[in-house]
Protein backbone atom coordinates (compact mmCIF):
# COMPACT_ATOMS: atom_id res chain seq x y z
CA MET A 1 -13.99 14.60 10.73
CA HIS A 2 -11.98 17.22 8.67
CA LYS A 3 -10.43 16.55 5.31
CA GLU A 4 -7.43 17.82 6.30
CA ASN A 5 -7.36 14.62 9.18
CA TYR A 6 -8.14 12.30 6.36
CA LEU A 7 -4.89 13.84 4.73
CA LEU A 8 -2.59 13.28 7.42
CA ALA A 9 -4.57 9.58 8.78
CA ALA A 10 -3.60 8.31 5.41
CA TRP A 11 -0.02 10.15 5.46
CA GLY A 12 0.47 8.57 8.09
CA VAL A 13 -0.36 5.53 6.78
CA ALA A 14 1.57 5.31 3.94
CA LEU A 15 4.25 6.91 5.89
CA ILE A 16 4.24 3.22 8.52
CA ALA A 17 3.83 1.15 5.45
CA THR A 18 7.65 2.79 3.87
CA LEU A 19 9.28 2.56 6.95
CA GLY A 20 8.00 -0.64 7.39
CA SER A 21 9.02 -2.43 4.10
CA LEU A 22 12.81 -0.21 4.69
CA TYR A 23 13.02 -2.38 8.16
CA PHE A 24 12.40 -5.91 6.69
CA SER A 25 15.16 -4.63 3.52
CA GLU A 26 17.04 -2.67 4.68
CA VAL A 27 16.88 -4.26 9.05
CA LEU A 28 16.25 -7.71 8.92
CA LYS A 29 17.43 -7.99 4.91
CA PHE A 30 14.96 -9.34 3.51
CA ILE A 31 15.20 -9.57 -0.49
CA PRO A 32 12.21 -8.11 -1.60
CA CYS A 33 10.86 -10.14 -4.75
CA GLU A 34 9.81 -8.89 -7.64
CA LEU A 35 6.20 -7.91 -6.70
CA CYS A 36 7.13 -6.54 -3.63
CA TRP A 37 9.42 -3.72 -5.84
CA TYR A 38 6.06 -3.44 -7.79
CA GLN A 39 4.22 -3.07 -4.31
CA ARG A 40 7.18 0.04 -3.45
CA ILE A 41 6.60 1.93 -6.30
CA PHE A 42 3.49 2.26 -5.56
CA MET A 43 3.10 2.66 -1.78
CA TYR A 44 6.54 5.62 -2.04
CA PRO A 45 5.63 7.74 -3.41
CA GLN A 46 2.19 8.29 -0.63
CA VAL A 47 4.70 9.64 0.93
CA PHE A 48 5.40 12.68 0.10
CA LEU A 49 2.07 13.14 -1.86
CA LEU A 50 -0.31 12.56 1.05
CA GLY A 51 2.35 14.99 3.40
CA MET A 52 2.44 17.60 0.47
CA ALA A 53 -1.72 17.11 0.32
CA PHE A 54 -2.05 17.74 3.92
CA VAL A 55 0.22 20.71 4.15
CA ARG A 56 -0.37 23.00 1.17
CA LYS A 57 -4.43 21.77 1.77
CA GLN A 58 -4.59 20.49 -1.94
CA PHE A 59 -7.38 18.17 -1.25
CA ILE A 60 -6.89 16.91 -5.59
CA ILE A 61 -4.56 14.85 -4.51
CA ALA A 62 -5.83 12.19 -3.67
CA ARG A 63 -8.11 11.71 -6.83
CA TYR A 64 -3.53 10.14 -7.29
CA THR A 65 -4.08 8.26 -4.65
CA LEU A 66 -6.99 6.74 -5.27
CA MET A 67 -5.39 5.24 -8.37
CA LEU A 68 -1.89 4.29 -7.45
CA SER A 69 -3.27 2.43 -4.05
CA ILE A 70 -5.95 0.54 -5.92
CA ILE A 71 -3.15 -0.42 -8.07
CA GLY A 72 -0.81 -1.33 -5.55
CA GLY A 73 -3.71 -3.03 -4.00
CA THR A 74 -4.47 -5.13 -6.83
CA ILE A 75 -0.56 -6.71 -7.39
CA SER A 76 -0.41 -6.70 -2.93
CA LEU A 77 -3.85 -9.41 -3.63
CA TYR A 78 -2.72 -10.75 -6.36
CA HIS A 79 0.97 -11.60 -3.93
CA TYR A 80 -0.63 -12.95 -1.44
CA LEU A 81 -3.33 -15.48 -3.35
CA ILE A 82 0.36 -16.11 -4.77
CA GLN A 83 1.89 -17.34 -1.23
CA LYS A 84 -1.43 -18.58 -0.16
CA VAL A 85 -3.48 -20.27 -2.83
CA PRO A 86 -2.10 -23.59 -4.17
CA PHE A 87 -3.86 -22.49 -7.45
CA PHE A 88 -2.21 -19.96 -8.22
CA ARG A 89 0.69 -20.57 -6.36
CA ASN A 90 1.75 -23.71 -9.33
CA THR A 91 0.37 -21.17 -12.53
CA ALA A 92 2.91 -17.89 -10.99
CA PRO A 93 5.50 -16.74 -12.82
CA SER A 94 8.49 -17.80 -12.28
CA CYS A 95 10.24 -14.17 -10.07
CA SER A 96 13.42 -12.62 -10.06
CA ILE A 97 16.52 -13.87 -7.80
CA VAL A 98 13.96 -14.67 -4.52
CA PRO A 99 10.92 -16.06 -5.51
CA CYS A 100 7.79 -14.38 -5.24
CA THR A 101 6.15 -17.03 -3.11
CA GLY A 102 8.13 -17.42 -0.45
CA ASP A 103 7.61 -15.28 2.49
CA TYR A 104 10.13 -14.48 5.35
CA LEU A 105 6.94 -13.12 7.89
CA ASN A 106 3.80 -15.42 8.77
CA TRP A 107 1.61 -14.06 11.78
CA LEU A 108 -1.10 -16.34 12.55
CA GLY A 109 -0.34 -18.64 9.61
CA PHE A 110 -2.00 -15.63 7.81
CA ILE A 111 -0.20 -12.08 7.87
CA THR A 112 2.62 -11.77 5.21
CA ILE A 113 3.44 -9.10 3.94
CA PRO A 114 2.19 -8.66 0.92
CA LEU A 115 -1.59 -8.24 3.48
CA LEU A 116 0.22 -5.96 5.53
CA ALA A 117 0.44 -3.55 1.82
CA LEU A 118 -2.88 -4.88 0.95
CA ILE A 119 -4.55 -3.66 3.65
CA ALA A 120 -1.93 -0.45 4.32
CA PHE A 121 -3.71 0.35 0.51
CA ILE A 122 -6.81 -0.38 1.23
CA PHE A 123 -6.24 2.40 4.22
CA ILE A 124 -5.67 4.89 1.72
CA SER A 125 -7.11 3.83 -1.06
CA VAL A 126 -10.83 4.51 1.58
CA ILE A 127 -10.00 7.19 3.11
CA SER A 128 -8.33 8.71 -0.12
CA TYR A 129 -12.25 7.79 -1.44
CA ARG A 130 -13.59 9.46 1.55
CA VAL A 131 -11.65 13.41 0.78
CA ILE A 132 -12.93 13.04 -3.07
CA GLN A 133 -16.69 12.97 -1.97
CA MET A 134 -16.01 15.51 0.63
CA GLU A 135 -15.03 17.48 -2.68
CA LYS A 136 -17.90 16.20 -4.46
CA GLU A 137 -20.11 17.04 -0.88
CA GLY A 138 -18.59 20.76 -1.11
CA LYS A 139 -18.06 19.43 2.48
CA TYR A 140 -14.94 20.89 4.57
CA ILE A 141 -15.86 19.64 7.69
């Protein structure tokens, strides 16, 4: 697969995650907790970074999106653990008005908003890492 296609795929994941996040808060009126806001801080810029990287063929952006995704994914994992693991739930710091332990969405008993964000961050991380590998190997195809 071409590097451009990897960037396009990562951009698509970031765009879907961002639009989904906005749908939950603006249409369904879910009020984001503090950890949700941090996850948004690390996801939303990637729509613009990956979009511009795709248009301008600037593959170096993958280094930045990898770091943003690793940090955002770590926050998502922690948030998911707070929601699903009693030990983490009991030791969770108090968040703002909306508690971070609450889950507006709980499909199949385990799919929550932080898990969806974590999956998106993992996809973007893997794709970004692959683009970086291809750059180092000098592969353009």
